């Protein structure tokens, strides 16, 4: 200091140099008292959080600063941070102990902060509307232009780069949701999955086990429309209860691209035309399956309401010589119960998870057989829908048989 003196041209020479530099960014030694002579919209004060004091003292030591400087900074650190925080300029606070100024420059974070008040107000307006930025503390209930002014005046510190990134993520998510909603025809994921399962049950969608091996899991599902002509096919490597969910995911991912309105219309039409009764095995003309001969039931037979009692009892199952797997047999039998028929035999199905799925599906669609008492009540009320002969013999009360005859018949049923 004994051999130095202030340049008489200072601080004007300092400002002259700043304005003469041909660069996008000029790093200044932060003498806050000098900053008022610069355009505030071109200034950004970058400073460390007061909580990083020890981290910065370690940095000073590692870079070779002498003890006098380190002691001076240890004494003045908190005061210097407070001075920056209280200044009326845009500012950026470093909170991560692993971040250096070089990281912020090379990552474009610093340049992202330089934004006009109008651009900032527009950005904040979008962020507030989409829930990206929450107005708290001094910023509570402030309009976007007021918030922008607060930031330029130093009363508010915002990470513009982080806001832009979060806004882009939010907009991408909303666009994805809009696209999925469009692909689902305005239904939620769960609603469309329910409709798909409804279409499988009522026959709008054809399903069959897609592998000719006894232990593999996989279904092929198709939808066919005559007018307009359209055919959609899905391959689902999962169990039957998960098929509708898998198809919903494929529709959301546009694999294949589906006219969702056409698909939903087809499901609705099949639901309106669904069967209300079935032809018993004894009247169907079907021949029970022997070792190599006899009728092999398929899902189409179920949709036509043919021999549902015999199907669910396993009288028309295919074997490996007919290229019909055990899984295909189970699927056909399950379809009978899913349609609400032959529920007195639902517990005869070989898979407990499949039985539980059927009971849950029926409950969601107004038929509760979740307890023995509720199942028995269904049997008493729907004898013509039962599979077992002893239950089908419980003839429903017929108005044309006369009131007394009906009472007499019900009495005999209960006695039996």
Protein backbone atom coordinates (compact mmCIF):
# COMPACT_ATOMS: atom_id res chain seq x y z
CA UNK A 1 0.00 0.00 0.00
CA UNK A 2 2.96 2.33 0.62
CA UNK A 3 3.83 2.32 -3.05
CA UNK A 4 0.29 2.58 -4.50
CA UNK A 5 -2.08 5.43 -5.10
CA UNK A 6 -5.60 5.72 -6.54
CA UNK A 7 -5.78 6.49 -10.23
CA UNK A 8 -7.38 9.94 -10.57
CA UNK A 9 -9.45 8.61 -13.47
CA UNK A 10 -11.16 6.07 -11.16
CA UNK A 11 -14.03 5.18 -11.17
CA UNK A 12 -14.77 6.59 -14.64
CA UNK A 13 -11.99 4.52 -16.20
CA UNK A 14 -13.65 1.49 -14.61
CA UNK A 15 -17.00 2.18 -16.27
CA UNK A 16 -15.33 3.11 -19.57
CA UNK A 17 -13.64 -0.27 -19.66
CA UNK A 18 -16.89 -2.15 -18.83
CA UNK A 19 -18.71 -0.46 -21.71
CA UNK A 20 -15.84 -0.95 -24.15
CA UNK A 21 -15.59 -4.72 -23.69
CA UNK A 22 -16.94 -6.72 -26.64
CA UNK A 23 -18.47 -9.60 -24.68
CA UNK A 24 -21.82 -11.06 -23.70
CA UNK A 25 -20.86 -11.10 -20.04
CA UNK A 26 -18.52 -9.03 -17.90
CA UNK A 27 -17.61 -10.20 -14.37
CA UNK A 28 -17.28 -7.32 -11.92
CA UNK A 29 -15.79 -7.05 -8.49
CA UNK A 30 -18.90 -6.34 -6.46
CA UNK A 31 -18.47 -2.83 -5.12
CA UNK A 32 -22.15 -2.15 -4.57
CA UNK A 33 -21.60 1.61 -4.18
CA UNK A 34 -20.46 1.77 -7.81
CA UNK A 35 -23.31 -0.24 -9.30
CA UNK A 36 -25.81 2.64 -9.30
CA UNK A 37 -24.00 4.14 -12.28
CA UNK A 38 -24.79 1.04 -14.37
CA UNK A 39 -28.06 0.06 -16.00
CA UNK A 40 -29.91 -2.11 -13.47
CA UNK A 41 -31.45 -4.29 -16.17
CA UNK A 42 -27.94 -5.38 -17.21
CA UNK A 43 -26.85 -6.28 -13.68
CA UNK A 44 -27.05 -9.52 -11.74
CA UNK A 45 -25.53 -10.01 -8.32
CA UNK A 46 -24.44 -13.61 -7.77
CA UNK A 47 -23.64 -14.45 -4.15
CA UNK A 48 -23.36 -17.47 -1.84
CA UNK A 49 -25.87 -18.22 0.87
CA UNK A 50 -24.71 -17.23 4.35
CA UNK A 51 -24.98 -20.93 5.25
CA UNK A 52 -22.03 -21.66 2.91
CA UNK A 53 -19.55 -19.52 4.85
CA UNK A 54 -17.33 -22.44 5.96
CA UNK A 55 -17.39 -23.95 2.47
CA UNK A 56 -16.14 -20.67 0.98
CA UNK A 57 -13.43 -20.23 3.63
CA UNK A 58 -12.17 -23.70 2.66
CA UNK A 59 -12.14 -22.65 -0.98
CA UNK A 60 -10.06 -19.58 -0.17
CA UNK A 61 -7.51 -21.76 1.62
CA UNK A 62 -7.40 -24.38 -1.15
CA UNK A 63 -6.79 -21.78 -3.84
CA UNK A 64 -3.81 -20.39 -1.91
CA UNK A 65 -5.11 -17.15 -0.36
CA UNK A 66 -3.02 -15.88 2.55
CA UNK A 67 -4.21 -15.97 6.13
CA UNK A 68 -4.75 -12.20 6.28
CA UNK A 69 -7.27 -12.39 3.44
CA UNK A 70 -8.96 -15.47 4.87
CA UNK A 71 -9.29 -13.84 8.29
CA UNK A 72 -10.69 -10.69 6.68
CA UNK A 73 -13.30 -12.72 4.76
CA UNK A 74 -14.21 -14.74 7.84
CA UNK A 75 -14.95 -11.50 9.65
CA UNK A 76 -16.79 -9.75 6.80
CA UNK A 77 -18.55 -12.71 5.11
CA UNK A 78 -21.95 -12.37 6.80
CA UNK A 79 -21.96 -8.58 6.40
CA UNK A 80 -21.10 -8.83 2.72
CA UNK A 81 -23.86 -11.38 2.05
CA UNK A 82 -26.36 -9.17 3.91
CA UNK A 83 -25.27 -6.14 1.87
CA UNK A 84 -25.96 -7.99 -1.39
CA UNK A 85 -29.30 -9.29 -0.10
CA UNK A 86 -30.39 -5.79 0.88
CA UNK A 87 -29.28 -4.16 -2.36
CA UNK A 88 -31.86 -3.06 -4.92
CA UNK A 89 -30.61 -5.18 -7.82
CA UNK A 90 -31.45 -8.48 -9.39
CA UNK A 91 -29.67 -11.26 -7.57
CA UNK A 92 -29.00 -14.98 -7.69
CA UNK A 93 -28.23 -16.90 -4.51
CA UNK A 94 -26.00 -19.98 -4.65
CA UNK A 95 -27.27 -22.56 -2.17
CA UNK A 96 -25.51 -25.70 -3.38
CA UNK A 97 -22.02 -26.14 -1.79
CA UNK A 98 -20.87 -28.05 -4.89
CA UNK A 99 -21.69 -25.24 -7.35
CA UNK A 100 -19.07 -22.76 -8.57
CA UNK A 101 -19.60 -19.62 -10.61
CA UNK A 102 -18.01 -21.41 -13.58
CA UNK A 103 -20.73 -24.08 -13.42
CA UNK A 104 -23.43 -21.41 -13.62
CA UNK A 105 -21.77 -19.68 -16.56
CA UNK A 106 -21.07 -22.83 -18.57
CA UNK A 107 -24.56 -24.20 -17.85
CA UNK A 108 -26.20 -21.05 -19.16
CA UNK A 109 -27.81 -20.32 -15.80
CA UNK A 110 -26.38 -16.81 -15.53
CA UNK A 111 -27.52 -15.72 -18.99
CA UNK A 112 -30.98 -17.18 -18.33
CA UNK A 113 -31.40 -14.64 -15.55
CA UNK A 114 -31.12 -11.72 -17.99
CA UNK A 115 -34.70 -11.20 -19.06
CA UNK A 116 -36.80 -8.08 -19.62
CA UNK A 117 -39.51 -7.12 -17.16
CA UNK A 118 -42.16 -7.92 -19.76
CA UNK A 119 -40.68 -11.36 -20.43
CA UNK A 120 -40.38 -12.00 -16.71
CA UNK A 121 -43.98 -10.94 -16.05
CA UNK A 122 -45.21 -13.25 -18.84
CA UNK A 123 -43.11 -16.11 -17.47
CA UNK A 124 -44.41 -15.59 -13.93
CA UNK A 125 -47.99 -15.38 -15.20
CA UNK A 126 -47.67 -18.84 -16.80
CA UNK A 127 -45.86 -20.27 -13.79
CA UNK A 128 -48.55 -19.02 -11.38
CA UNK A 129 -51.43 -20.30 -13.54
CA UNK A 130 -49.86 -23.75 -13.88
CA UNK A 131 -48.84 -23.98 -10.23
CA UNK A 132 -45.10 -23.92 -10.95
CA UNK A 133 -44.49 -20.81 -8.82
CA UNK A 134 -46.18 -20.37 -5.46
CA UNK A 135 -46.47 -16.79 -4.20
CA UNK A 136 -45.32 -16.69 -0.60
CA UNK A 137 -44.06 -14.13 1.90
CA UNK A 138 -43.62 -10.65 0.37
CA UNK A 139 -44.69 -12.05 -3.01
CA UNK A 140 -48.09 -13.24 -1.76
CA UNK A 141 -51.07 -11.98 -3.80
CA UNK A 142 -48.81 -9.90 -6.07
CA UNK A 143 -49.58 -9.62 -9.77
CA UNK A 144 -46.94 -10.93 -12.22
CA UNK A 145 -45.84 -7.43 -13.27
CA UNK A 146 -45.47 -6.44 -9.60
CA UNK A 147 -43.36 -9.54 -8.98
CA UNK A 148 -41.18 -8.69 -11.98
CA UNK A 149 -40.63 -5.19 -10.63
CA UNK A 150 -39.82 -6.57 -7.18
CA UNK A 151 -37.14 -8.77 -8.72
CA UNK A 152 -35.56 -5.91 -10.65
CA UNK A 153 -35.66 -3.79 -7.49
CA UNK A 154 -33.91 -6.51 -5.50
CA UNK A 155 -36.91 -7.30 -3.31
CA UNK A 156 -37.34 -10.78 -4.76
CA UNK A 157 -34.79 -13.41 -5.75
CA UNK A 158 -35.81 -15.93 -8.42
CA UNK A 159 -33.94 -18.64 -10.29
CA UNK A 160 -35.18 -17.90 -13.81
CA UNK A 161 -33.44 -20.91 -15.32
CA UNK A 162 -35.08 -23.24 -12.79
CA UNK A 163 -38.48 -21.61 -13.37
CA UNK A 164 -38.18 -22.06 -17.14
CA UNK A 165 -37.14 -25.67 -16.69
CA UNK A 166 -40.02 -26.44 -14.33
CA UNK A 167 -42.47 -24.63 -16.63
CA UNK A 168 -41.25 -26.64 -19.64
CA UNK A 169 -41.66 -29.88 -17.67
CA UNK A 170 -45.15 -28.87 -16.57
CA UNK A 171 -46.22 -27.90 -20.09
CA UNK A 172 -44.81 -31.16 -21.48
CA UNK A 173 -46.72 -33.10 -18.83
CA UNK A 174 -49.95 -31.24 -19.60
CA UNK A 175 -49.48 -31.83 -23.32
CA UNK A 176 -48.90 -35.52 -22.64
CA UNK A 177 -52.06 -35.63 -20.51
CA UNK A 178 -54.01 -33.82 -23.24
CA UNK A 179 -52.77 -36.30 -25.82
CA UNK A 180 -53.62 -39.28 -23.59
CA UNK A 181 -57.04 -37.82 -22.87
CA UNK A 182 -57.63 -37.48 -26.62
CA UNK A 183 -56.49 -41.04 -27.26
CA UNK A 184 -58.76 -42.27 -24.46
CA UNK A 185 -61.77 -40.42 -25.87
CA UNK A 186 -62.05 -38.14 -22.83
CA UNK A 187 -62.07 -41.05 -20.37
CA UNK A 188 -59.63 -41.54 -17.53
CA UNK A 189 -57.17 -44.42 -17.66
CA UNK A 190 -59.31 -46.41 -15.22
CA UNK A 191 -62.55 -45.64 -17.08
CA UNK A 192 -61.15 -46.77 -20.43
CA UNK A 193 -59.71 -49.91 -18.87
CA UNK A 194 -63.17 -50.66 -17.49
CA UNK A 195 -64.74 -50.13 -20.93
CA UNK A 196 -62.18 -52.42 -22.55
CA UNK A 197 -62.98 -55.18 -20.06
CA UNK A 198 -66.68 -54.58 -20.68
CA UNK A 199 -66.04 -55.00 -24.41
CA UNK A 200 -64.18 -58.26 -23.82
CA UNK A 201 -67.07 -59.57 -21.71
CA UNK A 202 -69.89 -58.50 -24.05
CA UNK A 203 -68.12 -59.68 -27.20
CA UNK A 204 -67.27 -56.37 -28.87
CA UNK A 205 -63.64 -57.46 -28.57
CA UNK A 206 -62.64 -61.02 -29.40
CA UNK A 207 -60.12 -62.63 -27.08
CA UNK A 208 -58.25 -65.90 -27.21
CA UNK A 209 -55.16 -67.37 -25.67
CA UNK A 210 -52.40 -66.54 -28.06
CA UNK A 211 -49.91 -69.34 -27.40
CA UNK A 212 -50.30 -73.07 -28.06
CA UNK A 213 -48.41 -74.09 -24.93
CA UNK A 214 -49.94 -75.17 -21.61
CA UNK A 215 -48.04 -72.83 -19.28
CA UNK A 216 -47.47 -69.66 -21.31
CA UNK A 217 -49.32 -66.43 -20.64
CA UNK A 218 -50.49 -64.29 -23.49
CA UNK A 219 -53.67 -63.15 -25.20
CA UNK A 220 -54.56 -61.85 -28.61
CA UNK A 221 -57.46 -59.40 -28.62
CA UNK A 222 -59.09 -57.91 -31.70
CA UNK A 223 -61.84 -55.46 -32.57
CA UNK A 224 -63.51 -55.46 -35.98
CA UNK A 225 -65.89 -52.84 -37.36
CA UNK A 226 -67.79 -53.29 -40.63
CA UNK A 227 -68.84 -49.66 -41.21
CA UNK A 228 -66.46 -47.94 -41.28
CA UNK A 229 -64.08 -50.82 -41.86
CA UNK A 230 -61.47 -51.08 -39.15
CA UNK A 231 -59.55 -53.89 -37.49
CA UNK A 232 -57.45 -53.43 -34.37
CA UNK A 233 -55.32 -56.12 -32.75
CA UNK A 234 -53.45 -56.19 -29.45
CA UNK A 235 -51.04 -58.75 -28.06
CA UNK A 236 -51.03 -58.89 -24.27
CA UNK A 237 -48.45 -60.96 -22.39
CA UNK A 238 -50.26 -61.03 -19.07
CA UNK A 239 -53.02 -62.84 -17.20
CA UNK A 240 -56.69 -62.34 -18.08
CA UNK A 241 -57.43 -59.84 -15.26
CA UNK A 242 -54.64 -57.56 -16.60
CA UNK A 243 -55.56 -57.68 -20.30
CA UNK A 244 -57.79 -54.57 -20.24
CA UNK A 245 -55.08 -52.58 -18.44
CA UNK A 246 -52.47 -53.65 -20.99
CA UNK A 247 -54.71 -52.72 -23.94
CA UNK A 248 -55.38 -49.32 -22.35
CA UNK A 249 -51.64 -48.67 -22.09
CA UNK A 250 -51.16 -49.63 -25.74
CA UNK A 251 -53.97 -47.29 -26.80
CA UNK A 252 -52.38 -44.48 -24.79
CA UNK A 253 -49.07 -45.13 -26.55
CA UNK A 254 -50.84 -45.21 -29.96
CA UNK A 255 -49.72 -48.79 -30.62
CA UNK A 256 -51.73 -49.27 -32.73
CA UNK A 257 -53.44 -45.98 -33.49
CA UNK A 258 -57.11 -46.41 -32.66
CA UNK A 259 -60.26 -44.53 -33.56
CA UNK A 260 -61.36 -44.44 -29.94
CA UNK A 261 -64.84 -43.17 -30.77
CA UNK A 262 -65.42 -46.13 -33.08
CA UNK A 263 -64.13 -48.56 -30.47
CA UNK A 264 -66.28 -47.14 -27.66
CA UNK A 265 -69.35 -47.11 -29.93
CA UNK A 266 -68.79 -50.78 -30.74
CA UNK A 267 -68.49 -51.65 -27.05
CA UNK A 268 -71.67 -49.71 -26.25
CA UNK A 269 -73.62 -51.41 -29.04
CA UNK A 270 -72.51 -54.88 -27.90
CA UNK A 271 -73.53 -53.99 -24.34
CA UNK A 272 -77.02 -53.07 -25.53
CA UNK A 273 -77.27 -56.38 -27.44
CA UNK A 274 -75.76 -58.63 -24.78
CA UNK A 275 -77.47 -61.97 -24.10
CA UNK A 276 -80.05 -62.21 -21.31
CA UNK A 277 -80.42 -66.01 -21.23
CA UNK A 278 -78.75 -69.10 -22.66
CA UNK A 279 -79.57 -72.43 -24.33
CA UNK A 280 -78.85 -75.23 -21.84
CA UNK A 281 -76.38 -77.93 -22.78
CA UNK A 282 -79.22 -80.47 -23.05
CA UNK A 283 -80.85 -78.45 -25.88
CA UNK A 284 -77.73 -77.16 -27.59
CA UNK A 285 -76.90 -80.11 -29.81
CA UNK A 286 -73.31 -79.98 -28.56
CA UNK A 287 -71.56 -83.32 -28.06
CA UNK A 288 -69.49 -83.53 -24.91
CA UNK A 289 -65.79 -83.63 -25.47
CA UNK A 290 -64.24 -87.09 -25.28
CA UNK A 291 -60.56 -87.84 -25.59
CA UNK A 292 -60.36 -86.80 -29.24
CA UNK A 293 -63.92 -86.10 -30.35
CA UNK A 294 -66.77 -83.80 -29.46
CA UNK A 295 -67.37 -80.07 -29.40
CA UNK A 296 -64.63 -77.66 -28.26
CA UNK A 297 -66.20 -74.52 -26.79
CA UNK A 298 -64.83 -71.11 -27.62
CA UNK A 299 -65.53 -67.53 -26.63
CA UNK A 300 -67.89 -67.04 -29.56
CA UNK A 301 -70.09 -69.86 -28.21
CA UNK A 302 -70.25 -67.97 -24.91
CA UNK A 303 -71.28 -64.74 -26.67
CA UNK A 304 -74.01 -66.65 -28.49
CA UNK A 305 -75.27 -68.11 -25.21
CA UNK A 306 -74.88 -71.76 -26.19
CA UNK A 307 -74.47 -74.45 -23.49
CA UNK A 308 -73.06 -72.08 -20.88
CA UNK A 309 -73.85 -74.60 -18.13
CA UNK A 310 -71.82 -77.30 -19.85
CA UNK A 311 -68.99 -74.90 -20.73
CA UNK A 312 -68.42 -73.71 -17.17
CA UNK A 313 -68.56 -77.32 -15.93
CA UNK A 314 -65.77 -78.21 -18.37
CA UNK A 315 -67.76 -80.53 -20.65
CA UNK A 316 -66.46 -78.97 -23.88
CA UNK A 317 -62.79 -78.33 -23.19
CA UNK A 318 -60.16 -78.78 -25.84
CA UNK A 319 -56.97 -80.76 -25.32
CA UNK A 320 -53.47 -80.38 -26.73
CA UNK A 321 -54.34 -82.49 -29.78
CA UNK A 322 -56.88 -79.78 -30.73
CA UNK A 323 -54.25 -77.05 -30.14
CA UNK A 324 -56.41 -75.67 -27.34
CA UNK A 325 -54.45 -74.90 -24.17
CA UNK A 326 -55.55 -75.14 -20.59
CA UNK A 327 -55.42 -71.35 -20.41
CA UNK A 328 -57.81 -71.05 -23.35
CA UNK A 329 -60.22 -73.45 -21.63
CA UNK A 330 -60.03 -71.42 -18.40
CA UNK A 331 -60.64 -68.20 -20.36
CA UNK A 332 -63.77 -69.56 -22.05
CA UNK A 333 -65.14 -70.83 -18.71
CA UNK A 334 -64.34 -67.51 -17.03
CA UNK A 335 -66.20 -65.61 -19.76
CA UNK A 336 -69.41 -67.47 -18.82
CA UNK A 337 -69.20 -66.23 -15.24
CA UNK A 338 -68.11 -62.72 -16.25
CA UNK A 339 -71.32 -62.45 -18.28
CA UNK A 340 -73.28 -63.18 -15.09
CA UNK A 341 -74.33 -66.77 -15.86
CA UNK A 342 -73.74 -70.06 -14.02
CA UNK A 343 -72.44 -68.32 -10.94
CA UNK A 344 -73.32 -71.35 -8.83
CA UNK A 345 -70.20 -72.90 -10.41
CA UNK A 346 -67.87 -69.90 -10.20
CA UNK A 347 -65.90 -71.55 -7.39
CA UNK A 348 -65.29 -74.59 -9.62
CA UNK A 349 -62.94 -72.57 -11.80
CA UNK A 350 -59.36 -73.85 -11.38
CA UNK A 351 -57.68 -70.53 -10.55
CA UNK A 352 -58.45 -68.76 -7.28
CA UNK A 353 -57.06 -65.38 -8.48
CA UNK A 354 -59.28 -65.66 -11.56
CA UNK A 355 -62.31 -66.49 -9.39
CA UNK A 356 -61.58 -63.49 -7.16
CA UNK A 357 -61.29 -61.26 -10.23
CA UNK A 358 -64.66 -62.48 -11.56
CA UNK A 359 -66.38 -61.88 -8.20
CA UNK A 360 -64.86 -58.37 -8.01
CA UNK A 361 -65.87 -57.59 -11.62
CA UNK A 362 -69.45 -58.75 -11.05
CA UNK A 363 -69.72 -56.71 -7.85
CA UNK A 364 -68.62 -53.59 -9.73
CA UNK A 365 -71.38 -54.32 -12.26
CA UNK A 366 -74.21 -54.82 -9.77
CA UNK A 367 -74.03 -58.54 -8.97
CA UNK A 368 -72.65 -59.27 -5.51
CA UNK A 369 -71.84 -62.94 -4.78
CA UNK A 370 -68.91 -62.20 -2.49
CA UNK A 371 -70.27 -64.31 0.40
CA UNK A 372 -72.00 -67.72 0.47
CA UNK A 373 -75.19 -66.02 1.64
CA UNK A 374 -75.16 -63.56 -1.26
CA UNK A 375 -74.36 -66.34 -3.75
CA UNK A 376 -77.27 -68.43 -2.43
CA UNK A 377 -79.58 -65.42 -2.74
CA UNK A 378 -78.51 -65.03 -6.38
CA UNK A 379 -79.20 -68.75 -7.02
CA UNK A 380 -82.68 -68.50 -5.51
CA UNK A 381 -83.45 -65.43 -7.61
CA UNK A 382 -81.90 -66.66 -10.90
CA UNK A 383 -82.49 -70.43 -11.25
CA UNK A 384 -82.67 -70.22 -15.05
CA UNK A 385 -79.16 -68.72 -15.11
CA UNK A 386 -77.63 -71.50 -13.01
CA UNK A 387 -75.51 -74.38 -14.27
CA UNK A 388 -76.16 -77.18 -11.80
CA UNK A 389 -79.36 -79.16 -12.48
CA UNK A 390 -80.46 -79.01 -8.84
CA UNK A 391 -80.34 -75.22 -9.01
CA UNK A 392 -81.95 -74.93 -12.45
CA UNK A 393 -84.88 -76.95 -11.15
CA UNK A 394 -85.74 -74.08 -8.81
CA UNK A 395 -88.24 -72.72 -11.35
CA UNK A 396 -88.88 -69.02 -10.99
CA UNK A 397 -92.37 -67.89 -9.94
CA UNK A 398 -94.54 -67.46 -13.04
CA UNK A 399 -97.49 -65.03 -12.82
CA UNK A 400 -99.63 -67.19 -15.16
CA UNK A 401 -99.39 -70.16 -12.77
CA UNK A 402 -101.60 -68.42 -10.23
CA UNK A 403 -100.79 -66.86 -6.92
CA UNK A 404 -101.50 -69.98 -4.81
CA UNK A 405 -99.63 -72.28 -7.16
CA UNK A 406 -96.62 -70.03 -6.93
CA UNK A 407 -96.68 -70.07 -3.15
CA UNK A 408 -97.06 -73.86 -3.14
CA UNK A 409 -94.09 -74.32 -5.47
CA UNK A 410 -91.86 -72.01 -3.44
CA UNK A 411 -92.84 -73.93 -0.29
CA UNK A 412 -91.74 -77.21 -1.90
CA UNK A 413 -88.48 -75.63 -3.01
CA UNK A 414 -87.64 -74.54 0.52
CA UNK A 415 -88.61 -77.95 1.89
CA UNK A 416 -86.35 -79.62 -0.63
